[in-house]
C-alpha atoms as a PDB file:
ATOM      1  CA  MET A   1      80.846  92.911 109.811  1.00  0.00           C
ATOM      2  CA  SER A   2      83.715  94.677 107.642  1.00  0.00           C
ATOM      3  CA  VAL A   3      86.545  96.458 109.165  1.00  0.00           C
ATOM      4  CA  ALA A   4      85.332  99.685 107.511  1.00  0.00           C
ATOM      5  CA  VAL A   5      82.561  99.887 110.052  1.00  0.00           C
ATOM      6  CA  ALA A   6      84.842 100.143 112.807  1.00  0.00           C
ATOM      7  CA  PHE A   7      87.193 102.678 111.276  1.00  0.00           C
ATOM      8  CA  ASP A   8      84.251 104.994 110.257  1.00  0.00           C
ATOM      9  CA  LYS A   9      82.796 104.633 113.613  1.00  0.00           C
ATOM     10  CA  ALA A  10      86.242 105.611 115.077  1.00  0.00           C
ATOM     11  CA  ARG A  11      86.717 108.464 112.650  1.00  0.00           C
ATOM     12  CA  ALA A  12      83.355 109.885 113.410  1.00  0.00           C
ATOM     13  CA  GLU A  13      84.326 109.995 117.074  1.00  0.00           C
ATOM     14  CA  GLY A  14      87.853 111.498 116.416  1.00  0.00           C
ATOM     15  CA  ARG A  15      89.990 108.719 117.531  1.00  0.00           C
ATOM     16  CA  SER A  16      92.093 105.840 116.475  1.00  0.00           C
ATOM     17  CA  VAL A  17      90.704 102.316 116.154  1.00  0.00           C
ATOM     18  CA  LEU A  18      91.675  99.872 118.948  1.00  0.00           C
ATOM     19  CA  ILE A  19      92.608  96.464 117.425  1.00  0.00           C
ATOM     20  CA  GLY A  20      93.383  93.588 119.564  1.00  0.00           C
ATOM     21  CA  TYR A  21      95.084  90.298 119.155  1.00  0.00           C
ATOM     22  CA  LEU A  22      94.636  86.868 120.898  1.00  0.00           C
ATOM     23  CA  PRO A  23      95.489  83.310 119.457  1.00  0.00           C
ATOM     24  CA  ALA A  24      92.672  80.735 119.457  1.00  0.00           C
ATOM     25  CA  GLY A  25      92.928  77.880 121.438  1.00  0.00           C
ATOM     26  CA  PHE A  26      95.006  79.489 124.369  1.00  0.00           C
ATOM     27  CA  PRO A  27      94.686  78.766 127.155  1.00  0.00           C
ATOM     28  CA  THR A  28      91.850  76.577 125.878  1.00  0.00           C
ATOM     29  CA  VAL A  29      89.402  77.028 122.921  1.00  0.00           C
ATOM     30  CA  PRO A  30      86.500  78.089 125.483  1.00  0.00           C
ATOM     31  CA  GLY A  31      89.054  80.439 127.266  1.00  0.00           C
ATOM     32  CA  ALA A  32      90.170  82.144 124.282  1.00  0.00           C
ATOM     33  CA  ILE A  33      86.626  82.737 123.268  1.00  0.00           C
ATOM     34  CA  ASP A  34      85.944  84.234 126.745  1.00  0.00           C
ATOM     35  CA  ALA A  35      89.019  86.416 126.369  1.00  0.00           C
ATOM     36  CA  ILE A  36      87.983  87.767 123.293  1.00  0.00           C
ATOM     37  CA  LYS A  37      84.583  88.672 124.235  1.00  0.00           C
ATOM     38  CA  ALA A  38      86.258  90.535 127.328  1.00  0.00           C
ATOM     39  CA  MET A  39      88.313  92.396 124.885  1.00  0.00           C
ATOM     40  CA  ILE A  40      85.180  93.522 123.132  1.00  0.00           C
ATOM     41  CA  ASP A  41      83.239  94.498 125.917  1.00  0.00           C
ATOM     42  CA  ASN A  42      85.930  96.555 127.168  1.00  0.00           C
ATOM     43  CA  GLY A  43      86.713  98.614 124.104  1.00  0.00           C
ATOM     44  CA  VAL A  44      88.563  96.639 121.640  1.00  0.00           C
ATOM     45  CA  ASP A  45      87.014  97.783 117.951  1.00  0.00           C
ATOM     46  CA  VAL A  46      88.546  95.114 115.962  1.00  0.00           C
ATOM     47  CA  VAL A  47      89.799  91.442 116.994  1.00  0.00           C
ATOM     48  CA  GLU A  48      92.667  89.689 115.605  1.00  0.00           C
ATOM     49  CA  VAL A  49      92.383  85.883 116.056  1.00  0.00           C
ATOM     50  CA  GLY A  50      95.590  84.215 115.577  1.00  0.00           C
ATOM     51  CA  LEU A  51      95.671  80.842 114.338  1.00  0.00           C
ATOM     52  CA  PRO A  52      98.512  79.018 116.294  1.00  0.00           C
ATOM     53  CA  TYR A  53     101.322  77.701 113.793  1.00  0.00           C
ATOM     54  CA  SER A  54     104.565  75.770 114.232  1.00  0.00           C
ATOM     55  CA  ASP A  55     106.727  78.202 112.596  1.00  0.00           C
ATOM     56  CA  PRO A  56     105.417  81.841 113.341  1.00  0.00           C
ATOM     57  CA  VAL A  57     108.329  83.789 111.962  1.00  0.00           C
ATOM     58  CA  MET A  58     106.728  87.197 113.089  1.00  0.00           C
ATOM     59  CA  ASP A  59     106.033  86.342 116.440  1.00  0.00           C
ATOM     60  CA  GLY A  60     108.008  87.120 119.530  1.00  0.00           C
ATOM     61  CA  PRO A  61     108.471  84.776 122.578  1.00  0.00           C
ATOM     62  CA  VAL A  62     105.410  85.676 124.384  1.00  0.00           C
ATOM     63  CA  ILE A  63     103.073  84.528 121.488  1.00  0.00           C
ATOM     64  CA  GLN A  64     105.220  81.667 120.667  1.00  0.00           C
ATOM     65  CA  ARG A  65     104.928  80.168 123.928  1.00  0.00           C
ATOM     66  CA  ALA A  66     101.031  80.584 123.819  1.00  0.00           C
ATOM     67  CA  THR A  67     100.691  79.241 120.498  1.00  0.00           C
ATOM     68  CA  GLU A  68     102.854  76.454 121.359  1.00  0.00           C
ATOM     69  CA  ALA A  69     100.759  75.475 124.295  1.00  0.00           C
ATOM     70  CA  ALA A  70      97.380  75.861 122.157  1.00  0.00           C
ATOM     71  CA  LEU A  71      99.121  73.356 119.681  1.00  0.00           C
ATOM     72  CA  ALA A  72     100.272  70.868 122.355  1.00  0.00           C
ATOM     73  CA  GLY A  73      96.543  71.286 123.458  1.00  0.00           C
ATOM     74  CA  GLY A  74      95.413  69.712 120.147  1.00  0.00           C
ATOM     75  CA  PHE A  75      94.347  72.875 118.470  1.00  0.00           C
ATOM     76  CA  ARG A  76      93.248  72.441 114.708  1.00  0.00           C
ATOM     77  CA  VAL A  77      92.329  75.094 112.228  1.00  0.00           C
ATOM     78  CA  ALA A  78      88.684  74.080 112.696  1.00  0.00           C
ATOM     79  CA  ASP A  79      89.018  75.247 116.303  1.00  0.00           C
ATOM     80  CA  GLY A  80      90.036  78.629 114.847  1.00  0.00           C
ATOM     81  CA  LEU A  81      86.891  78.999 112.717  1.00  0.00           C
ATOM     82  CA  ARG A  82      84.797  77.895 115.683  1.00  0.00           C
ATOM     83  CA  THR A  83      86.212  80.450 117.425  1.00  0.00           C
ATOM     84  CA  VAL A  84      85.638  83.320 115.128  1.00  0.00           C
ATOM     85  CA  GLU A  85      82.077  81.978 114.903  1.00  0.00           C
ATOM     86  CA  ALA A  86      81.484  82.254 118.690  1.00  0.00           C
ATOM     87  CA  VAL A  87      82.542  85.943 118.726  1.00  0.00           C
ATOM     88  CA  ALA A  88      81.466  87.174 115.488  1.00  0.00           C
ATOM     89  CA  SER A  89      78.042  88.600 116.996  1.00  0.00           C
ATOM     90  CA  ALA A  90      79.842  90.134 119.911  1.00  0.00           C
ATOM     91  CA  GLY A  91      80.008  93.509 118.267  1.00  0.00           C
ATOM     92  CA  ALA A  92      83.324  93.846 116.609  1.00  0.00           C
ATOM     93  CA  PRO A  93      84.753  92.799 113.153  1.00  0.00           C
ATOM     94  CA  ILE A  94      86.788  89.609 113.529  1.00  0.00           C
ATOM     95  CA  LEU A  95      90.062  89.094 111.359  1.00  0.00           C
ATOM     96  CA  VAL A  96      91.961  85.964 111.434  1.00  0.00           C
ATOM     97  CA  MET A  97      95.766  86.387 111.531  1.00  0.00           C
ATOM     98  CA  THR A  98      97.373  83.517 109.871  1.00  0.00           C
ATOM     99  CA  TYR A  99     100.526  82.083 108.238  1.00  0.00           C
ATOM    100  CA  TRP A 100      99.626  81.012 104.718  1.00  0.00           C
ATOM    101  CA  ASN A 101     100.564  77.591 104.793  1.00  0.00           C
ATOM    102  CA  LEU A 102      97.459  76.927 106.900  1.00  0.00           C
ATOM    103  CA  VAL A 103      95.206  78.278 104.359  1.00  0.00           C
ATOM    104  CA  GLU A 104      96.937  76.890 101.385  1.00  0.00           C
ATOM    105  CA  ARG A 105      96.901  73.331 103.008  1.00  0.00           C
ATOM    106  CA  TYR A 106      92.987  73.649 103.886  1.00  0.00           C
ATOM    107  CA  GLY A 107      92.053  75.204 100.543  1.00  0.00           C
ATOM    108  CA  VAL A 108      92.282  78.951  99.592  1.00  0.00           C
ATOM    109  CA  ASP A 109      88.531  79.295  98.512  1.00  0.00           C
ATOM    110  CA  ARG A 110      87.347  76.777 100.988  1.00  0.00           C
ATOM    111  CA  PHE A 111      88.949  78.536 103.876  1.00  0.00           C
ATOM    112  CA  ALA A 112      87.555  81.784 102.365  1.00  0.00           C
ATOM    113  CA  ALA A 113      84.091  80.398 102.190  1.00  0.00           C
ATOM    114  CA  ASP A 114      84.278  78.940 105.752  1.00  0.00           C
ATOM    115  CA  LEU A 115      85.712  81.932 107.251  1.00  0.00           C
ATOM    116  CA  ALA A 116      82.824  84.025 105.693  1.00  0.00           C
ATOM    117  CA  GLY A 117      80.459  81.461 106.863  1.00  0.00           C
ATOM    118  CA  ALA A 118      81.616  81.978 110.396  1.00  0.00           C
ATOM    119  CA  GLY A 119      80.908  85.479 110.310  1.00  0.00           C
ATOM    120  CA  GLY A 120      84.605  86.461 109.925  1.00  0.00           C
ATOM    121  CA  ALA A 121      85.614  89.828 108.069  1.00  0.00           C
ATOM    122  CA  GLY A 122      88.754  88.744 106.458  1.00  0.00           C
ATOM    123  CA  LEU A 123      92.676  87.829 106.844  1.00  0.00           C
ATOM    124  CA  ILE A 124      95.796  89.352 108.062  1.00  0.00           C
ATOM    125  CA  THR A 125      98.661  87.214 106.371  1.00  0.00           C
ATOM    126  CA  PRO A 126     102.041  88.176 107.351  1.00  0.00           C
ATOM    127  CA  ASP A 127     104.177  85.852 105.278  1.00  0.00           C
ATOM    128  CA  LEU A 128     101.888  86.248 102.019  1.00  0.00           C
ATOM    129  CA  ILE A 129     103.403  89.142  99.975  1.00  0.00           C
ATOM    130  CA  PRO A 130     100.990  91.070  97.632  1.00  0.00           C
ATOM    131  CA  ASP A 131     102.959  89.804  94.772  1.00  0.00           C
ATOM    132  CA  GLU A 132     102.276  86.329  95.372  1.00  0.00           C
ATOM    133  CA  SER A 133      98.628  86.505  96.401  1.00  0.00           C
ATOM    134  CA  GLY A 134      96.563  85.888  93.292  1.00  0.00           C
ATOM    135  CA  PRO A 135      94.444  82.989  94.736  1.00  0.00           C
ATOM    136  CA  TRP A 136      93.693  85.052  97.947  1.00  0.00           C
ATOM    137  CA  LEU A 137      92.691  88.003  96.126  1.00  0.00           C
ATOM    138  CA  GLU A 138      90.261  86.026  93.909  1.00  0.00           C
ATOM    139  CA  ALA A 139      88.888  84.325  96.976  1.00  0.00           C
ATOM    140  CA  SER A 140      88.531  87.215  99.147  1.00  0.00           C
ATOM    141  CA  ASP A 141      86.935  88.999  96.430  1.00  0.00           C
ATOM    142  CA  ALA A 142      84.287  86.249  95.790  1.00  0.00           C
ATOM    143  CA  HIS A 143      83.388  85.976  99.497  1.00  0.00           C
ATOM    144  CA  GLY A 144      83.575  89.628 100.451  1.00  0.00           C
ATOM    145  CA  LEU A 145      86.344  89.484 102.925  1.00  0.00           C
ATOM    146  CA  ASP A 146      88.920  91.977 103.900  1.00  0.00           C
ATOM    147  CA  ARG A 147      92.783  91.427 103.216  1.00  0.00           C
ATOM    148  CA  VAL A 148      95.450  92.857 105.390  1.00  0.00           C
ATOM    149  CA  PHE A 149      98.991  92.941 103.993  1.00  0.00           C
ATOM    150  CA  LEU A 150     102.154  94.202 106.016  1.00  0.00           C
ATOM    151  CA  VAL A 151     104.736  97.053 105.260  1.00  0.00           C
ATOM    152  CA  SER A 152     107.651  98.083 107.299  1.00  0.00           C
ATOM    153  CA  PRO A 153     109.993 100.746 107.567  1.00  0.00           C
ATOM    154  CA  SER A 154     112.274  99.173 105.221  1.00  0.00           C
ATOM    155  CA  SER A 155     109.632  98.742 102.430  1.00  0.00           C
ATOM    156  CA  THR A 156     110.219 100.994  99.236  1.00  0.00           C
ATOM    157  CA  ASP A 157     107.753 103.540  98.181  1.00  0.00           C
ATOM    158  CA  ALA A 158     106.820 101.411  95.166  1.00  0.00           C
ATOM    159  CA  ARG A 159     106.279  98.397  97.282  1.00  0.00           C
ATOM    160  CA  ILE A 160     104.068 100.536  99.896  1.00  0.00           C
ATOM    161  CA  ALA A 161     101.886 101.801  97.049  1.00  0.00           C
ATOM    162  CA  MET A 162     101.569  98.242  95.509  1.00  0.00           C
ATOM    163  CA  THR A 163     100.754  96.723  99.158  1.00  0.00           C
ATOM    164  CA  ALA A 164      98.194  99.506  99.863  1.00  0.00           C
ATOM    165  CA  GLY A 165      96.600  99.040  96.571  1.00  0.00           C
ATOM    166  CA  ARG A 166      95.876  95.193  97.273  1.00  0.00           C
ATOM    167  CA  CYS A 167      94.571  95.712 100.971  1.00  0.00           C
ATOM    168  CA  ARG A 168      90.866  95.986 101.917  1.00  0.00           C
ATOM    169  CA  GLY A 169      90.410  97.209 105.524  1.00  0.00           C
ATOM    170  CA  PHE A 170      93.634  98.559 106.456  1.00  0.00           C
ATOM    171  CA  VAL A 171      97.374  98.446 106.003  1.00  0.00           C
ATOM    172  CA  TYR A 172      99.414  96.913 108.970  1.00  0.00           C
ATOM    173  CA  ALA A 173     102.350  99.055 109.496  1.00  0.00           C
ATOM    174  CA  THR A 174     105.096  97.188 111.524  1.00  0.00           C
ATOM    175  CA  SER A 175     106.783  99.741 113.446  1.00  0.00           C
ATOM    176  CA  VAL A 176     110.102  97.929 114.121  1.00  0.00           C
ATOM    177  CA  MET A 177     112.216  95.522 112.092  1.00  0.00           C
ATOM    178  CA  GLY A 178     111.576  92.523 114.232  1.00  0.00           C
ATOM    179  CA  VAL A 179     109.174  90.335 115.861  1.00  0.00           C
ATOM    180  CA  THR A 180     105.995  90.763 118.018  1.00  0.00           C
ATOM    181  CA  GLY A 181     106.342  91.951 121.798  1.00  0.00           C
ATOM    182  CA  ALA A 182     105.491  94.685 123.938  1.00  0.00           C
ATOM    183  CA  ARG A 183     108.182  97.270 124.339  1.00  0.00           C
ATOM    184  CA  SER A 184     108.971 100.132 126.820  1.00  0.00           C
ATOM    185  CA  SER A 185     108.673 102.554 124.195  1.00  0.00           C
ATOM    186  CA  THR A 186     107.094 103.005 121.018  1.00  0.00           C
ATOM    187  CA  SER A 187     108.934 103.121 117.503  1.00  0.00           C
ATOM    188  CA  THR A 188     110.383 106.398 116.446  1.00  0.00           C
ATOM    189  CA  ALA A 189     110.170 104.904 112.631  1.00  0.00           C
ATOM    190  CA  ALA A 190     106.360 104.428 112.803  1.00  0.00           C
ATOM    191  CA  PRO A 191     105.111 108.298 112.116  1.00  0.00           C
ATOM    192  CA  ALA A 192     107.146 108.263 109.004  1.00  0.00           C
ATOM    193  CA  LEU A 193     105.959 105.076 107.778  1.00  0.00           C
ATOM    194  CA  VAL A 194     102.433 105.969 108.499  1.00  0.00           C
ATOM    195  CA  GLU A 195     103.122 109.207 106.447  1.00  0.00           C
ATOM    196  CA  ARG A 196     104.345 107.422 103.614  1.00  0.00           C
ATOM    197  CA  VAL A 197     101.643 104.938 103.281  1.00  0.00           C
ATOM    198  CA  ARG A 198      99.131 107.926 103.286  1.00  0.00           C
ATOM    199  CA  LYS A 199     101.078 109.387 100.627  1.00  0.00           C
ATOM    200  CA  ALA A 200     100.661 106.228  98.691  1.00  0.00           C
ATOM    201  CA  ASP A 201      97.095 105.760  99.210  1.00  0.00           C
ATOM    202  CA  PRO A 202      95.211 108.455 100.882  1.00  0.00           C
ATOM    203  CA  SER A 203      91.817 106.484 101.220  1.00  0.00           C
ATOM    204  CA  MET A 204      93.493 103.572 102.965  1.00  0.00           C
ATOM    205  CA  PRO A 205      93.720 103.502 107.022  1.00  0.00           C
ATOM    206  CA  VAL A 206      96.968 102.725 108.431  1.00  0.00           C
ATOM    207  CA  ALA A 207      97.427 100.693 111.828  1.00  0.00           C
ATOM    208  CA  VAL A 208     100.528 100.400 113.588  1.00  0.00           C
ATOM    209  CA  GLY A 209     101.639  97.141 115.408  1.00  0.00           C
ATOM    210  CA  LEU A 210     104.435  95.797 117.537  1.00  0.00           C
ATOM    211  CA  GLY A 211     105.180  97.078 120.787  1.00  0.00           C
ATOM    212  CA  VAL A 212     102.167  98.738 122.067  1.00  0.00           C
ATOM    213  CA  SER A 213     101.473  97.542 125.666  1.00  0.00           C
ATOM    214  CA  ASN A 214      99.579 100.212 127.748  1.00  0.00           C
ATOM    215  CA  GLY A 215      97.197 103.066 127.452  1.00  0.00           C
ATOM    216  CA  ASP A 216      99.996 105.778 127.288  1.00  0.00           C
ATOM    217  CA  GLN A 217     101.619 103.982 124.542  1.00  0.00           C
ATOM    218  CA  ALA A 218      98.012 103.689 122.707  1.00  0.00           C
ATOM    219  CA  ALA A 219      97.431 107.243 123.116  1.00  0.00           C
ATOM    220  CA  GLU A 220     100.573 108.001 121.642  1.00  0.00           C
ATOM    221  CA  VAL A 221     100.540 105.827 118.529  1.00  0.00           C
ATOM    222  CA  GLY A 222      96.640 107.026 118.131  1.00  0.00           C
ATOM    223  CA  ALA A 223      97.617 110.235 117.655  1.00  0.00           C
ATOM    224  CA  PHE A 224      99.233 109.774 114.262  1.00  0.00           C
ATOM    225  CA  ALA A 225      97.740 106.421 113.220  1.00  0.00           C
ATOM    226  CA  ASP A 226      94.280 105.324 112.203  1.00  0.00           C
ATOM    227  CA  GLY A 227      94.600 102.177 114.092  1.00  0.00           C
ATOM    228  CA  VAL A 228      96.528 100.972 117.050  1.00  0.00           C
ATOM    229  CA  ILE A 229      97.364  97.002 117.288  1.00  0.00           C
ATOM    230  CA  VAL A 230      98.082  95.401 120.495  1.00  0.00           C
ATOM    231  CA  GLY A 231      99.032  91.529 120.774  1.00  0.00           C
ATOM    232  CA  SER A 232     101.741  90.495 123.106  1.00  0.00           C
ATOM    233  CA  ALA A 233     100.639  92.612 126.205  1.00  0.00           C
ATOM    234  CA  LEU A 234      97.005  90.740 126.019  1.00  0.00           C
ATOM    235  CA  VAL A 235      98.371  87.442 125.520  1.00  0.00           C
ATOM    236  CA  ARG A 236     100.787  87.907 128.654  1.00  0.00           C
ATOM    237  CA  CYS A 237      97.617  88.726 130.707  1.00  0.00           C
ATOM    238  CA  LEU A 238      96.476  85.169 130.281  1.00  0.00           C
ATOM    239  CA  GLN A 239      99.982  83.848 130.558  1.00  0.00           C
ATOM    240  CA  ASP A 240     100.649  85.431 133.823  1.00  0.00           C
ATOM    241  CA  ALA A 241      97.366  84.707 135.542  1.00  0.00           C
ATOM    242  CA  ALA A 242      96.845  82.117 138.069  1.00  0.00           C
ATOM    243  CA  THR A 243      93.457  80.795 136.990  1.00  0.00           C
ATOM    244  CA  PRO A 244      91.726  81.305 133.672  1.00  0.00           C
ATOM    245  CA  ALA A 245      88.975  83.583 135.222  1.00  0.00           C
ATOM    246  CA  GLU A 246      91.869  85.894 136.249  1.00  0.00           C
ATOM    247  CA  GLY A 247      93.480  85.915 132.757  1.00  0.00           C
ATOM    248  CA  VAL A 248      90.187  86.981 131.230  1.00  0.00           C
ATOM    249  CA  ALA A 249      89.955  89.598 134.093  1.00  0.00           C
ATOM    250  CA  ALA A 250      93.203  91.032 133.239  1.00  0.00           C
ATOM    251  CA  VAL A 251      92.610  91.036 129.612  1.00  0.00           C
ATOM    252  CA  ALA A 252      89.214  92.879 130.314  1.00  0.00           C
ATOM    253  CA  ALA A 253      91.431  95.384 132.598  1.00  0.00           C
ATOM    254  CA  LEU A 254      94.130  95.996 129.871  1.00  0.00           C
ATOM    255  CA  SER A 255      91.581  96.234 127.090  1.00  0.00           C
ATOM    256  CA  ALA A 256      89.821  99.186 128.969  1.00  0.00           C
ATOM    257  CA  ASP A 257      93.243 100.874 129.556  1.00  0.00           C
ATOM    258  CA  LEU A 258      93.947 100.590 125.934  1.00  0.00           C
ATOM    259  CA  ALA A 259      90.286 101.920 124.969  1.00  0.00           C
ATOM    260  CA  GLU A 260      90.619 104.699 127.291  1.00  0.00           C
ATOM    261  CA  GLY A 261      94.178 105.793 125.574  1.00  0.00           C
ATOM    262  CA  VAL A 262      92.977 105.804 122.142  1.00  0.00           C
ATOM    263  CA  ARG A 263      90.050 108.120 123.159  1.00  0.00           C
ATOM    264  CA  ARG A 264      92.257 110.784 124.783  1.00  0.00           C
ATOM    265  CA  ARG A 265      92.022 114.185 123.146  1.00  0.00           C
END
């Protein structure tokens, strides 16, 4: 299922898309699968499955701790693809969010083929700039996968236009100059960045990430963005739980709150 399906559905309903992130393999591979299914069952429209990596330059402490635990538990890229396959039919497009080294080591075309075979929709690549993405552009075209690149408040208008032109699915607008993490208030720079992307490419949806942690903030961001991305707050639900079942229940409850937020009029 392509990401465009989710954006078209949300647009028809007059709301923003809710995009939720969880890392594969945390707290375990089956535990992550259960939590992702709970997100989808409670209103998350698009899922980002993170591949744990030893040098996560974009991730803040919450996601770092989760991915470190997954790696310590023996996580491998094959577990990430198995996770995608397990949730691909649950009712939401599944994107993999990964640092590029993992894909390069696996083999770009092989990774694209295996991701498509698992039912994945595409990749978000935070440390792959569009200027150097030739092999991924070719592989994603060959296997019909979406590709999501990032822009930030410091991006020039020329770079925003170039980035949007090479995305398929949506543009990921990082609302702050920093790493991931839930924040007490949303970024004041985000609305201006969204407008700059829309000016560069009116046809490409823009989703805002970094900082959203509750339904009120989701409603605030959803009022000006096409998509609202939530990661650290969902991961913390699993980290703070006394048992895996309680973690899944907490993910379900937060997903429902966020889903209500993007649907407010």
